[in-house]
Protein backbone atom coordinates (compact mmCIF):
# COMPACT_ATOMS: atom_id res chain seq x y z
CA MET A 1 -29.21 -55.43 12.78
CA SER A 2 -32.55 -57.19 12.96
CA ALA A 3 -35.17 -57.03 10.21
CA ASN A 4 -37.25 -54.80 12.47
CA ASP A 5 -34.33 -52.35 12.88
CA THR A 6 -33.78 -52.32 9.10
CA ARG A 7 -37.45 -51.63 8.46
CA ARG A 8 -37.44 -48.82 11.03
CA ALA A 9 -34.34 -47.24 9.45
CA SER A 10 -35.82 -47.37 5.95
CA ASN A 11 -39.29 -46.20 7.02
CA PRO A 12 -38.95 -42.87 8.79
CA PRO A 13 -41.92 -41.61 10.82
CA ASP A 14 -44.65 -39.88 8.82
CA PHE A 15 -44.12 -36.59 10.64
CA LEU A 16 -40.48 -36.44 9.49
CA VAL A 17 -41.36 -37.30 5.89
CA LYS A 18 -44.00 -34.56 5.89
CA LEU A 19 -41.61 -32.09 7.55
CA LEU A 20 -39.03 -32.76 4.82
CA SER A 21 -41.73 -32.21 2.17
CA MET A 22 -42.67 -28.91 3.78
CA VAL A 23 -39.06 -27.75 3.87
CA THR A 24 -38.36 -28.72 0.25
CA ASP A 25 -41.72 -27.85 -1.35
CA GLU A 26 -42.98 -24.77 0.47
CA ASN A 27 -41.95 -21.19 -0.15
CA PRO A 28 -38.91 -20.31 2.00
CA ASP A 29 -40.89 -17.29 3.21
CA LEU A 30 -42.99 -19.82 5.19
CA ILE A 31 -40.50 -22.49 6.28
CA SER A 32 -36.88 -23.14 5.39
CA TRP A 33 -33.84 -25.21 6.33
CA ASN A 34 -30.28 -23.91 6.58
CA GLN A 35 -27.33 -25.88 7.96
CA GLY A 36 -29.44 -27.97 10.29
CA LYS A 37 -31.64 -25.12 11.47
CA LEU A 38 -35.37 -25.04 10.81
CA PHE A 39 -36.69 -21.53 10.25
CA ILE A 40 -40.43 -20.92 10.54
CA ASN A 41 -40.65 -17.47 9.05
CA ASP A 42 -44.42 -17.05 8.87
CA PRO A 43 -46.19 -19.33 11.37
CA VAL A 44 -49.63 -17.86 10.63
CA ALA A 45 -49.40 -18.61 6.89
CA LEU A 46 -47.79 -21.99 7.60
CA GLU A 47 -50.67 -22.90 9.92
CA ARG A 48 -53.09 -22.27 7.04
CA LYS A 49 -51.09 -24.70 4.84
CA MET A 50 -50.74 -27.47 7.44
CA SER A 51 -53.85 -29.34 6.36
CA VAL A 52 -52.04 -30.11 3.09
CA TYR A 53 -49.56 -32.22 5.08
CA PHE A 54 -51.37 -33.20 8.28
CA ARG A 55 -54.90 -34.04 9.43
CA HIS A 56 -54.93 -30.77 11.35
CA SER A 57 -53.90 -27.17 10.96
CA ASN A 58 -52.87 -26.54 14.54
CA PHE A 59 -49.46 -24.90 14.84
CA SER A 60 -49.20 -25.89 18.52
CA SER A 61 -49.49 -29.57 17.56
CA PHE A 62 -46.78 -29.09 14.95
CA GLN A 63 -44.49 -27.52 17.56
CA ARG A 64 -45.20 -30.38 19.99
CA GLN A 65 -44.18 -32.90 17.32
CA LEU A 66 -40.96 -30.98 16.66
CA ASN A 67 -40.20 -31.16 20.39
CA ASN A 68 -41.04 -34.88 20.47
CA PHE A 69 -38.38 -35.48 17.82
CA GLY A 70 -35.70 -33.55 19.69
CA PHE A 71 -35.97 -30.13 18.04
CA ARG A 72 -35.73 -27.21 20.42
CA LYS A 73 -36.77 -23.63 19.88
CA VAL A 74 -33.74 -21.36 20.04
CA GLU A 75 -35.19 -18.14 18.61
CA GLY A 76 -38.61 -16.56 18.71
CA LYS A 77 -41.06 -15.68 21.45
CA GLY A 78 -44.80 -16.13 21.38
CA LYS A 79 -47.17 -18.69 19.93
CA LEU A 80 -47.31 -17.51 16.33
CA ALA A 81 -44.11 -15.48 16.10
CA PRO A 82 -41.34 -16.29 13.61
CA CYS A 83 -38.97 -18.79 15.20
CA MET A 84 -36.02 -21.09 14.66
CA TYR A 85 -35.59 -24.68 15.82
CA MET A 86 -32.43 -26.76 16.08
CA HIS A 87 -31.70 -30.43 16.55
CA ASP A 88 -28.28 -31.25 18.02
CA GLU A 89 -27.73 -34.19 15.65
CA LEU A 90 -28.59 -32.17 12.54
CA VAL A 91 -26.33 -29.12 12.88
CA GLY A 92 -24.71 -28.57 9.49
CA SER A 93 -26.83 -31.27 7.81
CA PRO A 94 -28.79 -30.98 4.57
CA PRO A 95 -32.59 -31.23 4.81
CA ASP A 96 -32.71 -34.99 4.19
CA GLY A 97 -30.90 -35.48 7.50
CA ILE A 98 -34.35 -34.97 9.02
CA LEU A 99 -35.23 -38.54 8.03
CA LYS A 100 -32.42 -40.01 10.16
CA ILE A 101 -33.62 -38.81 13.55
CA ARG A 102 -36.06 -40.61 15.81
CA ARG A 103 -38.58 -39.67 18.45
CA LYS A 104 -37.08 -38.81 21.83
CA PRO A 105 -37.41 -41.61 24.37
CA THR A 106 -40.12 -40.96 26.93
């Protein structure tokens, strides 16, 4: 493994670090993690809290980032409806598994 690969493995992307913080620090009524599934229980309230973690408070941008990292929506219809996302590599994983994934290749 090259030094660049080691650095990349030990420095996860900011979005994933912030996502893990949201999952571990926020009220589970807003966002939670269970066995590799990301539950967004109150998207409207979560959108109001996004500026704590990101430079924006746009839920659509948050969803786009989830998709860019390989998460896919498996439950929930509508822009600001409660929903659940999964990532195939994280099924059954604890929340810190989030830090091991990488952006999908373009």
